[in-house]
Amino acid sequence: MITPAFIVISEVKNLAEKIVVNSNPFQFIKEYPDGKRQPLKNPIVELERKIYLFENWLKKRKIEIPIKGIVAFAYNNELNIEETPSMDIMFTYEVAAHFRSLPVTKEILNKPEIHSIARKIANSHQEYNPFPLIKRFDIQPAHILPGVICPTCNHLPMIWMQKKWICHPCGYAGKNDHESALKDWSMLIKNSITNREFRYFTQLENRNTAKKLLARSPIELQGLGRSSKYAIILEHFNQIEGRQKSLY
């Protein structure tokens, strides 16, 4: 929330169980009805990181304004705080009243400047993309088993025979199961694939067969000849899956 005197970042937690905030050591603990306790990631540390990053974002745009933080729990569950923390902790139904109680001691931003910052934030927004996972988790591509996975029994790999992907252990047969392998490749390794890489990952031997399967998949051909590759856009697969589900 952007005000003339400060900006507030809210960290909302959707936790239904009792929350205990210990003071020594300072930690958040989720307590279940059966007495089981589970330590949680400290939301104040998460919030401090976001405030730090947002301060840097504002400085690059030569904007200086205080940033406050609050931790809000979405459920009206029991909250036991042993010692007052460095940031406000409350339930979401209390947030509106909390905002109204914050004093505006100095007007740093006028109305046009507030709208300008809001537009800049919206324009800078990027969807979180955790892929490819090999970089995120430092996995070697050679450690990932290739092959098309059977959607019925999870056997690996299925075999391309008689224009179908066939799973010998359970007898499943399908025509487009290589598309799941393309999605796996994109999420695990990279968002593009060549004919040669596709043949390796699906365990196909015939280059022409691979070319035909790639041509009928929801991917985009880029380049010509040996330098050609296919861009894998996960949204295209999700759109197709959404349309298929709507038919049932």
C-alpha atoms as a PDB file:
ATOM      1  CA  MET A   1       0.000   0.000   0.000  1.00  0.00           C
ATOM      2  CA  ILE A   2       1.439   3.368  -1.071  1.00  0.00           C
ATOM      3  CA  THR A   3       0.665   6.395   1.099  1.00  0.00           C
ATOM      4  CA  PRO A   4       2.031   9.959   0.936  1.00  0.00           C
ATOM      5  CA  ALA A   5       4.349   9.254   3.907  1.00  0.00           C
ATOM      6  CA  PHE A   6       5.345   5.582   3.584  1.00  0.00           C
ATOM      7  CA  ILE A   7       4.794   2.282   1.765  1.00  0.00           C
ATOM      8  CA  VAL A   8       3.514  -0.860   3.529  1.00  0.00           C
ATOM      9  CA  ILE A   9       4.337  -4.403   2.422  1.00  0.00           C
ATOM     10  CA  SER A  10       2.048  -7.107   3.838  1.00  0.00           C
ATOM     11  CA  GLU A  11       3.220 -10.702   4.230  1.00  0.00           C
ATOM     12  CA  VAL A  12       0.055 -12.840   4.396  1.00  0.00           C
ATOM     13  CA  LYS A  13       0.202 -16.384   5.782  1.00  0.00           C
ATOM     14  CA  ASN A  14      -2.557 -18.951   5.157  1.00  0.00           C
ATOM     15  CA  LEU A  15      -2.082 -21.112   8.239  1.00  0.00           C
ATOM     16  CA  ALA A  16      -5.104 -22.576  10.016  1.00  0.00           C
ATOM     17  CA  GLU A  17      -3.375 -24.020  13.080  1.00  0.00           C
ATOM     18  CA  LYS A  18      -2.298 -22.338  16.324  1.00  0.00           C
ATOM     19  CA  ILE A  19       0.789 -20.160  15.835  1.00  0.00           C
ATOM     20  CA  VAL A  20       3.324 -19.727  18.619  1.00  0.00           C
ATOM     21  CA  VAL A  21       5.969 -17.001  18.322  1.00  0.00           C
ATOM     22  CA  ASN A  22       8.878 -17.889  20.604  1.00  0.00           C
ATOM     23  CA  SER A  23      11.250 -15.230  21.859  1.00  0.00           C
ATOM     24  CA  ASN A  24      14.381 -17.274  22.650  1.00  0.00           C
ATOM     25  CA  PRO A  25      15.263 -18.425  20.097  1.00  0.00           C
ATOM     26  CA  PHE A  26      12.987 -16.201  18.017  1.00  0.00           C
ATOM     27  CA  GLN A  27      10.953 -18.512  15.779  1.00  0.00           C
ATOM     28  CA  PHE A  28       7.457 -19.196  14.504  1.00  0.00           C
ATOM     29  CA  ILE A  29       5.968 -22.590  15.353  1.00  0.00           C
ATOM     30  CA  LYS A  30       2.799 -24.201  14.018  1.00  0.00           C
ATOM     31  CA  GLU A  31       1.018 -26.258  16.674  1.00  0.00           C
ATOM     32  CA  TYR A  32      -1.508 -28.950  15.638  1.00  0.00           C
ATOM     33  CA  PRO A  33      -4.530 -30.041  17.743  1.00  0.00           C
ATOM     34  CA  ASP A  34      -2.716 -33.288  18.654  1.00  0.00           C
ATOM     35  CA  GLY A  35       0.170 -31.284  20.155  1.00  0.00           C
ATOM     36  CA  LYS A  36       2.593 -31.818  17.294  1.00  0.00           C
ATOM     37  CA  ARG A  37       4.781 -28.747  16.674  1.00  0.00           C
ATOM     38  CA  GLN A  38       6.422 -27.732  13.396  1.00  0.00           C
ATOM     39  CA  PRO A  39       8.918 -24.840  13.011  1.00  0.00           C
ATOM     40  CA  LEU A  40       8.085 -22.422  10.198  1.00  0.00           C
ATOM     41  CA  LYS A  41      10.138 -20.135   8.014  1.00  0.00           C
ATOM     42  CA  ASN A  42      10.344 -16.826   9.817  1.00  0.00           C
ATOM     43  CA  PRO A  43       7.934 -14.507   7.925  1.00  0.00           C
ATOM     44  CA  ILE A  44       9.658 -11.445   9.406  1.00  0.00           C
ATOM     45  CA  VAL A  45      12.939 -12.512   7.773  1.00  0.00           C
ATOM     46  CA  GLU A  46      11.071 -13.018   4.483  1.00  0.00           C
ATOM     47  CA  LEU A  47       9.516  -9.576   4.857  1.00  0.00           C
ATOM     48  CA  GLU A  48      12.845  -7.914   5.679  1.00  0.00           C
ATOM     49  CA  ARG A  49      14.274  -9.405   2.466  1.00  0.00           C
ATOM     50  CA  LYS A  50      11.376  -8.030   0.409  1.00  0.00           C
ATOM     51  CA  ILE A  51      11.734  -4.604   1.995  1.00  0.00           C
ATOM     52  CA  TYR A  52      15.475  -4.608   1.233  1.00  0.00           C
ATOM     53  CA  LEU A  53      14.902  -5.560  -2.411  1.00  0.00           C
ATOM     54  CA  PHE A  54      12.099  -3.013  -2.801  1.00  0.00           C
ATOM     55  CA  GLU A  55      14.270  -0.278  -1.275  1.00  0.00           C
ATOM     56  CA  ASN A  56      16.918  -1.041  -3.911  1.00  0.00           C
ATOM     57  CA  TRP A  57      14.246  -0.964  -6.627  1.00  0.00           C
ATOM     58  CA  LEU A  58      13.109   2.476  -5.438  1.00  0.00           C
ATOM     59  CA  LYS A  59      16.670   3.835  -5.141  1.00  0.00           C
ATOM     60  CA  LYS A  60      17.366   2.938  -8.767  1.00  0.00           C
ATOM     61  CA  ARG A  61      14.426   5.177  -9.631  1.00  0.00           C
ATOM     62  CA  LYS A  62      15.639   7.905  -7.239  1.00  0.00           C
ATOM     63  CA  ILE A  63      12.654   7.449  -4.910  1.00  0.00           C
ATOM     64  CA  GLU A  64      13.229   7.712  -1.157  1.00  0.00           C
ATOM     65  CA  ILE A  65      10.360   6.897   1.180  1.00  0.00           C
ATOM     66  CA  PRO A  66      10.110   4.772   4.389  1.00  0.00           C
ATOM     67  CA  ILE A  67       8.885   1.187   3.980  1.00  0.00           C
ATOM     68  CA  LYS A  68       6.989  -0.572   6.750  1.00  0.00           C
ATOM     69  CA  GLY A  69       6.064  -4.239   7.006  1.00  0.00           C
ATOM     70  CA  ILE A  70       3.287  -6.251   8.628  1.00  0.00           C
ATOM     71  CA  VAL A  71       2.705  -9.995   8.968  1.00  0.00           C
ATOM     72  CA  ALA A  72      -0.961 -10.969   8.642  1.00  0.00           C
ATOM     73  CA  PHE A  73      -2.535 -14.384   9.271  1.00  0.00           C
ATOM     74  CA  ALA A  74      -5.520 -15.141   7.036  1.00  0.00           C
ATOM     75  CA  TYR A  75      -7.243 -17.485   9.522  1.00  0.00           C
ATOM     76  CA  ASN A  76      -8.662 -16.349  12.879  1.00  0.00           C
ATOM     77  CA  ASN A  77      -6.654 -18.988  14.658  1.00  0.00           C
ATOM     78  CA  GLU A  78      -4.961 -18.788  18.070  1.00  0.00           C
ATOM     79  CA  LEU A  79      -1.855 -16.613  18.066  1.00  0.00           C
ATOM     80  CA  ASN A  80       0.508 -16.795  21.029  1.00  0.00           C
ATOM     81  CA  ILE A  81       3.290 -14.182  20.972  1.00  0.00           C
ATOM     82  CA  GLU A  82       5.798 -14.442  23.843  1.00  0.00           C
ATOM     83  CA  GLU A  83       7.620 -11.183  23.063  1.00  0.00           C
ATOM     84  CA  THR A  84       6.716  -8.205  20.850  1.00  0.00           C
ATOM     85  CA  PRO A  85       8.603  -8.701  17.550  1.00  0.00           C
ATOM     86  CA  SER A  86      10.245  -6.032  15.406  1.00  0.00           C
ATOM     87  CA  MET A  87       7.258  -5.933  13.027  1.00  0.00           C
ATOM     88  CA  ASP A  88       3.514  -5.831  13.541  1.00  0.00           C
ATOM     89  CA  ILE A  89       1.756  -9.228  13.540  1.00  0.00           C
ATOM     90  CA  MET A  90      -2.029  -9.421  13.232  1.00  0.00           C
ATOM     91  CA  PHE A  91      -4.989 -11.121  11.581  1.00  0.00           C
ATOM     92  CA  THR A  92      -6.103  -9.974   8.145  1.00  0.00           C
ATOM     93  CA  TYR A  93      -9.414  -8.630   9.468  1.00  0.00           C
ATOM     94  CA  GLU A  94      -7.380  -6.195  11.601  1.00  0.00           C
ATOM     95  CA  VAL A  95      -5.295  -4.831   8.728  1.00  0.00           C
ATOM     96  CA  ALA A  96      -7.740  -2.137   7.537  1.00  0.00           C
ATOM     97  CA  ALA A  97      -8.045  -0.635  11.026  1.00  0.00           C
ATOM     98  CA  HIS A  98      -4.261  -0.849  11.418  1.00  0.00           C
ATOM     99  CA  PHE A  99      -3.736   1.097   8.191  1.00  0.00           C
ATOM    100  CA  ARG A 100      -6.156   3.803   9.346  1.00  0.00           C
ATOM    101  CA  SER A 101      -4.261   4.149  12.628  1.00  0.00           C
ATOM    102  CA  LEU A 102      -0.882   4.790  11.001  1.00  0.00           C
ATOM    103  CA  PRO A 103      -0.062   8.512  11.252  1.00  0.00           C
ATOM    104  CA  VAL A 104       0.876  10.472   8.133  1.00  0.00           C
ATOM    105  CA  THR A 105       3.483  12.776   9.702  1.00  0.00           C
ATOM    106  CA  LYS A 106       5.166  13.993   6.530  1.00  0.00           C
ATOM    107  CA  GLU A 107       3.896  14.090   2.964  1.00  0.00           C
ATOM    108  CA  ILE A 108       6.719  12.804   0.769  1.00  0.00           C
ATOM    109  CA  LEU A 109       4.625  11.797  -2.247  1.00  0.00           C
ATOM    110  CA  ASN A 110       1.762  13.647  -3.859  1.00  0.00           C
ATOM    111  CA  LYS A 111      -1.116  11.923  -5.644  1.00  0.00           C
ATOM    112  CA  PRO A 112       0.470  11.913  -9.173  1.00  0.00           C
ATOM    113  CA  GLU A 113       3.715  10.502  -7.731  1.00  0.00           C
ATOM    114  CA  ILE A 114       1.802   7.733  -5.954  1.00  0.00           C
ATOM    115  CA  HIS A 115       0.076   6.770  -9.219  1.00  0.00           C
ATOM    116  CA  SER A 116       3.424   6.915 -11.031  1.00  0.00           C
ATOM    117  CA  ILE A 117       5.060   4.499  -8.570  1.00  0.00           C
ATOM    118  CA  ALA A 118       2.055   2.151  -8.820  1.00  0.00           C
ATOM    119  CA  ARG A 119       2.356   2.076 -12.629  1.00  0.00           C
ATOM    120  CA  LYS A 120       6.112   1.444 -12.443  1.00  0.00           C
ATOM    121  CA  ILE A 121       5.551  -1.459 -10.048  1.00  0.00           C
ATOM    122  CA  ALA A 122       2.900  -2.970 -12.343  1.00  0.00           C
ATOM    123  CA  ASN A 123       5.136  -2.547 -15.416  1.00  0.00           C
ATOM    124  CA  SER A 124       8.096  -4.169 -13.631  1.00  0.00           C
ATOM    125  CA  HIS A 125       6.096  -7.221 -12.580  1.00  0.00           C
ATOM    126  CA  GLN A 126       7.418 -10.586 -13.778  1.00  0.00           C
ATOM    127  CA  GLU A 127       5.865 -13.993 -13.231  1.00  0.00           C
ATOM    128  CA  TYR A 128       8.013 -16.267 -11.078  1.00  0.00           C
ATOM    129  CA  ASN A 129       9.735 -18.898 -13.214  1.00  0.00           C
ATOM    130  CA  PRO A 130      11.603 -21.648 -11.305  1.00  0.00           C
ATOM    131  CA  PHE A 131      12.673 -23.483 -14.469  1.00  0.00           C
ATOM    132  CA  PRO A 132      14.950 -25.070 -15.516  1.00  0.00           C
ATOM    133  CA  LEU A 133      15.281 -27.098 -12.344  1.00  0.00           C
ATOM    134  CA  ILE A 134      18.799 -28.390 -13.124  1.00  0.00           C
ATOM    135  CA  LYS A 135      20.156 -24.890 -12.503  1.00  0.00           C
ATOM    136  CA  ARG A 136      18.061 -24.282  -9.420  1.00  0.00           C
ATOM    137  CA  PHE A 137      19.062 -27.560  -7.745  1.00  0.00           C
ATOM    138  CA  ASP A 138      22.483 -27.990  -9.411  1.00  0.00           C
ATOM    139  CA  ILE A 139      21.537 -31.249 -11.161  1.00  0.00           C
ATOM    140  CA  GLN A 140      23.620 -32.698 -13.973  1.00  0.00           C
ATOM    141  CA  PRO A 141      21.496 -33.386 -17.115  1.00  0.00           C
ATOM    142  CA  ALA A 142      23.168 -36.797 -17.428  1.00  0.00           C
ATOM    143  CA  HIS A 143      21.597 -37.801 -14.102  1.00  0.00           C
ATOM    144  CA  ILE A 144      18.068 -37.412 -15.518  1.00  0.00           C
ATOM    145  CA  LEU A 145      16.695 -40.632 -16.994  1.00  0.00           C
ATOM    146  CA  PRO A 146      15.439 -40.166 -20.576  1.00  0.00           C
ATOM    147  CA  GLY A 147      12.256 -41.665 -21.970  1.00  0.00           C
ATOM    148  CA  VAL A 148       8.516 -41.108 -22.299  1.00  0.00           C
ATOM    149  CA  ILE A 149       6.745 -41.979 -19.040  1.00  0.00           C
ATOM    150  CA  CYS A 150       3.575 -44.085 -19.114  1.00  0.00           C
ATOM    151  CA  PRO A 151       0.672 -42.004 -17.697  1.00  0.00           C
ATOM    152  CA  THR A 152      -1.007 -45.170 -16.398  1.00  0.00           C
ATOM    153  CA  CYS A 153       1.736 -47.061 -14.542  1.00  0.00           C
ATOM    154  CA  ASN A 154       4.685 -44.588 -14.680  1.00  0.00           C
ATOM    155  CA  HIS A 155       6.877 -47.113 -16.478  1.00  0.00           C
ATOM    156  CA  LEU A 156       9.927 -45.637 -18.206  1.00  0.00           C
ATOM    157  CA  PRO A 157      10.421 -45.697 -21.143  1.00  0.00           C
ATOM    158  CA  MET A 158       7.489 -46.318 -23.459  1.00  0.00           C
ATOM    159  CA  ILE A 159       8.288 -47.495 -26.984  1.00  0.00           C
ATOM    160  CA  TRP A 160       7.126 -45.861 -30.256  1.00  0.00           C
ATOM    161  CA  MET A 161       5.531 -48.669 -32.304  1.00  0.00           C
ATOM    162  CA  GLN A 162       2.824 -48.681 -34.975  1.00  0.00           C
ATOM    163  CA  LYS A 163       2.431 -44.901 -34.697  1.00  0.00           C
ATOM    164  CA  LYS A 164       1.716 -45.090 -30.975  1.00  0.00           C
ATOM    165  CA  TRP A 165       3.534 -44.862 -27.675  1.00  0.00           C
ATOM    166  CA  ILE A 166       3.174 -48.301 -26.124  1.00  0.00           C
ATOM    167  CA  CYS A 167       3.834 -49.375 -22.557  1.00  0.00           C
ATOM    168  CA  HIS A 168       4.607 -53.096 -22.491  1.00  0.00           C
ATOM    169  CA  PRO A 169       4.115 -53.679 -18.726  1.00  0.00           C
ATOM    170  CA  CYS A 170       0.526 -52.362 -18.591  1.00  0.00           C
ATOM    171  CA  GLY A 171      -0.521 -52.327 -22.262  1.00  0.00           C
ATOM    172  CA  TYR A 172      -1.297 -48.594 -22.446  1.00  0.00           C
ATOM    173  CA  ALA A 173      -1.102 -46.998 -25.902  1.00  0.00           C
ATOM    174  CA  GLY A 174      -1.269 -43.297 -26.806  1.00  0.00           C
ATOM    175  CA  LYS A 175      -0.324 -40.960 -29.637  1.00  0.00           C
ATOM    176  CA  ASN A 176       0.724 -37.728 -27.931  1.00  0.00           C
ATOM    177  CA  ASP A 177       2.566 -38.817 -24.796  1.00  0.00           C
ATOM    178  CA  HIS A 178       5.819 -37.356 -26.117  1.00  0.00           C
ATOM    179  CA  GLU A 179       4.291 -33.954 -25.311  1.00  0.00           C
ATOM    180  CA  SER A 180       4.627 -34.745 -21.614  1.00  0.00           C
ATOM    181  CA  ALA A 181       8.300 -35.493 -22.248  1.00  0.00           C
ATOM    182  CA  LEU A 182       8.654 -32.104 -23.954  1.00  0.00           C
ATOM    183  CA  LYS A 183       7.158 -30.414 -20.886  1.00  0.00           C
ATOM    184  CA  ASP A 184       9.519 -32.364 -18.614  1.00  0.00           C
ATOM    185  CA  TRP A 185      12.500 -31.337 -20.787  1.00  0.00           C
ATOM    186  CA  SER A 186      11.465 -27.683 -20.576  1.00  0.00           C
ATOM    187  CA  MET A 187      10.995 -27.719 -16.808  1.00  0.00           C
ATOM    188  CA  LEU A 188      14.110 -29.780 -16.104  1.00  0.00           C
ATOM    189  CA  ILE A 189      16.726 -28.801 -18.702  1.00  0.00           C
ATOM    190  CA  LYS A 190      15.868 -25.855 -20.989  1.00  0.00           C
ATOM    191  CA  ASN A 191      12.978 -24.278 -22.908  1.00  0.00           C
ATOM    192  CA  SER A 192      14.212 -25.293 -26.357  1.00  0.00           C
ATOM    193  CA  ILE A 193      15.022 -28.629 -27.953  1.00  0.00           C
ATOM    194  CA  THR A 194      16.603 -29.894 -31.164  1.00  0.00           C
ATOM    195  CA  ASN A 195      15.621 -32.965 -33.151  1.00  0.00           C
ATOM    196  CA  ARG A 196      18.689 -34.738 -31.849  1.00  0.00           C
ATOM    197  CA  GLU A 197      17.937 -33.849 -28.215  1.00  0.00           C
ATOM    198  CA  PHE A 198      14.314 -34.911 -28.687  1.00  0.00           C
ATOM    199  CA  ARG A 199      15.415 -38.298 -30.044  1.00  0.00           C
ATOM    200  CA  TYR A 200      17.707 -38.801 -27.066  1.00  0.00           C
ATOM    201  CA  PHE A 201      15.116 -37.770 -24.478  1.00  0.00           C
ATOM    202  CA  THR A 202      12.291 -39.861 -25.971  1.00  0.00           C
ATOM    203  CA  GLN A 203      14.584 -42.737 -26.975  1.00  0.00           C
ATOM    204  CA  LEU A 204      13.568 -42.478 -30.631  1.00  0.00           C
ATOM    205  CA  GLU A 205      15.965 -43.694 -33.322  1.00  0.00           C
ATOM    206  CA  ASN A 206      14.370 -42.394 -36.513  1.00  0.00           C
ATOM    207  CA  ARG A 207      15.057 -38.716 -37.294  1.00  0.00           C
ATOM    208  CA  ASN A 208      12.025 -38.390 -39.609  1.00  0.00           C
ATOM    209  CA  THR A 209       9.689 -39.845 -36.987  1.00  0.00           C
ATOM    210  CA  ALA A 210      11.027 -37.339 -34.477  1.00  0.00           C
ATOM    211  CA  LYS A 211      10.523 -34.519 -36.989  1.00  0.00           C
ATOM    212  CA  LYS A 212       6.872 -35.501 -37.552  1.00  0.00           C
ATOM    213  CA  LEU A 213       6.149 -35.751 -33.819  1.00  0.00           C
ATOM    214  CA  LEU A 214       7.758 -32.381 -33.171  1.00  0.00           C
ATOM    215  CA  ALA A 215       5.829 -30.791 -36.053  1.00  0.00           C
ATOM    216  CA  ARG A 216       2.470 -31.780 -34.577  1.00  0.00           C
ATOM    217  CA  SER A 217       3.380 -30.708 -31.032  1.00  0.00           C
ATOM    218  CA  PRO A 218       2.411 -27.257 -29.611  1.00  0.00           C
ATOM    219  CA  ILE A 219       5.968 -25.890 -29.985  1.00  0.00           C
ATOM    220  CA  GLU A 220       7.523 -23.298 -32.283  1.00  0.00           C
ATOM    221  CA  LEU A 221      10.217 -24.030 -34.892  1.00  0.00           C
ATOM    222  CA  GLN A 222      13.049 -21.519 -34.890  1.00  0.00           C
ATOM    223  CA  GLY A 223      15.763 -21.349 -37.564  1.00  0.00           C
ATOM    224  CA  LEU A 224      16.475 -23.587 -40.536  1.00  0.00           C
ATOM    225  CA  GLY A 225      18.608 -26.635 -41.246  1.00  0.00           C
ATOM    226  CA  ARG A 226      21.081 -27.866 -38.659  1.00  0.00           C
ATOM    227  CA  SER A 227      20.736 -24.714 -36.591  1.00  0.00           C
ATOM    228  CA  SER A 228      16.982 -25.175 -36.163  1.00  0.00           C
ATOM    229  CA  LYS A 229      15.458 -25.787 -32.757  1.00  0.00           C
ATOM    230  CA  TYR A 230      12.009 -25.825 -31.195  1.00  0.00           C
ATOM    231  CA  ALA A 231      10.908 -23.346 -28.547  1.00  0.00           C
ATOM    232  CA  ILE A 232       8.843 -24.998 -25.799  1.00  0.00           C
ATOM    233  CA  ILE A 233       6.267 -22.624 -24.311  1.00  0.00           C
ATOM    234  CA  LEU A 234       4.550 -24.246 -21.332  1.00  0.00           C
ATOM    235  CA  GLU A 235       1.528 -21.944 -21.621  1.00  0.00           C
ATOM    236  CA  HIS A 236       0.676 -23.560 -24.981  1.00  0.00           C
ATOM    237  CA  PHE A 237       0.507 -26.989 -23.330  1.00  0.00           C
ATOM    238  CA  ASN A 238      -1.563 -25.620 -20.439  1.00  0.00           C
ATOM    239  CA  GLN A 239      -4.066 -24.041 -22.844  1.00  0.00           C
ATOM    240  CA  ILE A 240      -4.523 -27.344 -24.682  1.00  0.00           C
ATOM    241  CA  GLU A 241      -4.940 -29.265 -21.415  1.00  0.00           C
ATOM    242  CA  GLY A 242      -7.496 -26.697 -20.252  1.00  0.00           C
ATOM    243  CA  ARG A 243      -9.549 -27.120 -23.430  1.00  0.00           C
ATOM    244  CA  GLN A 244      -9.366 -30.915 -23.126  1.00  0.00           C
ATOM    245  CA  LYS A 245     -10.618 -30.811 -19.516  1.00  0.00           C
ATOM    246  CA  SER A 246     -13.540 -28.572 -20.508  1.00  0.00           C
ATOM    247  CA  LEU A 247     -14.760 -31.290 -22.879  1.00  0.00           C
ATOM    248  CA  TYR A 248     -15.381 -33.736 -20.035  1.00  0.00           C
END
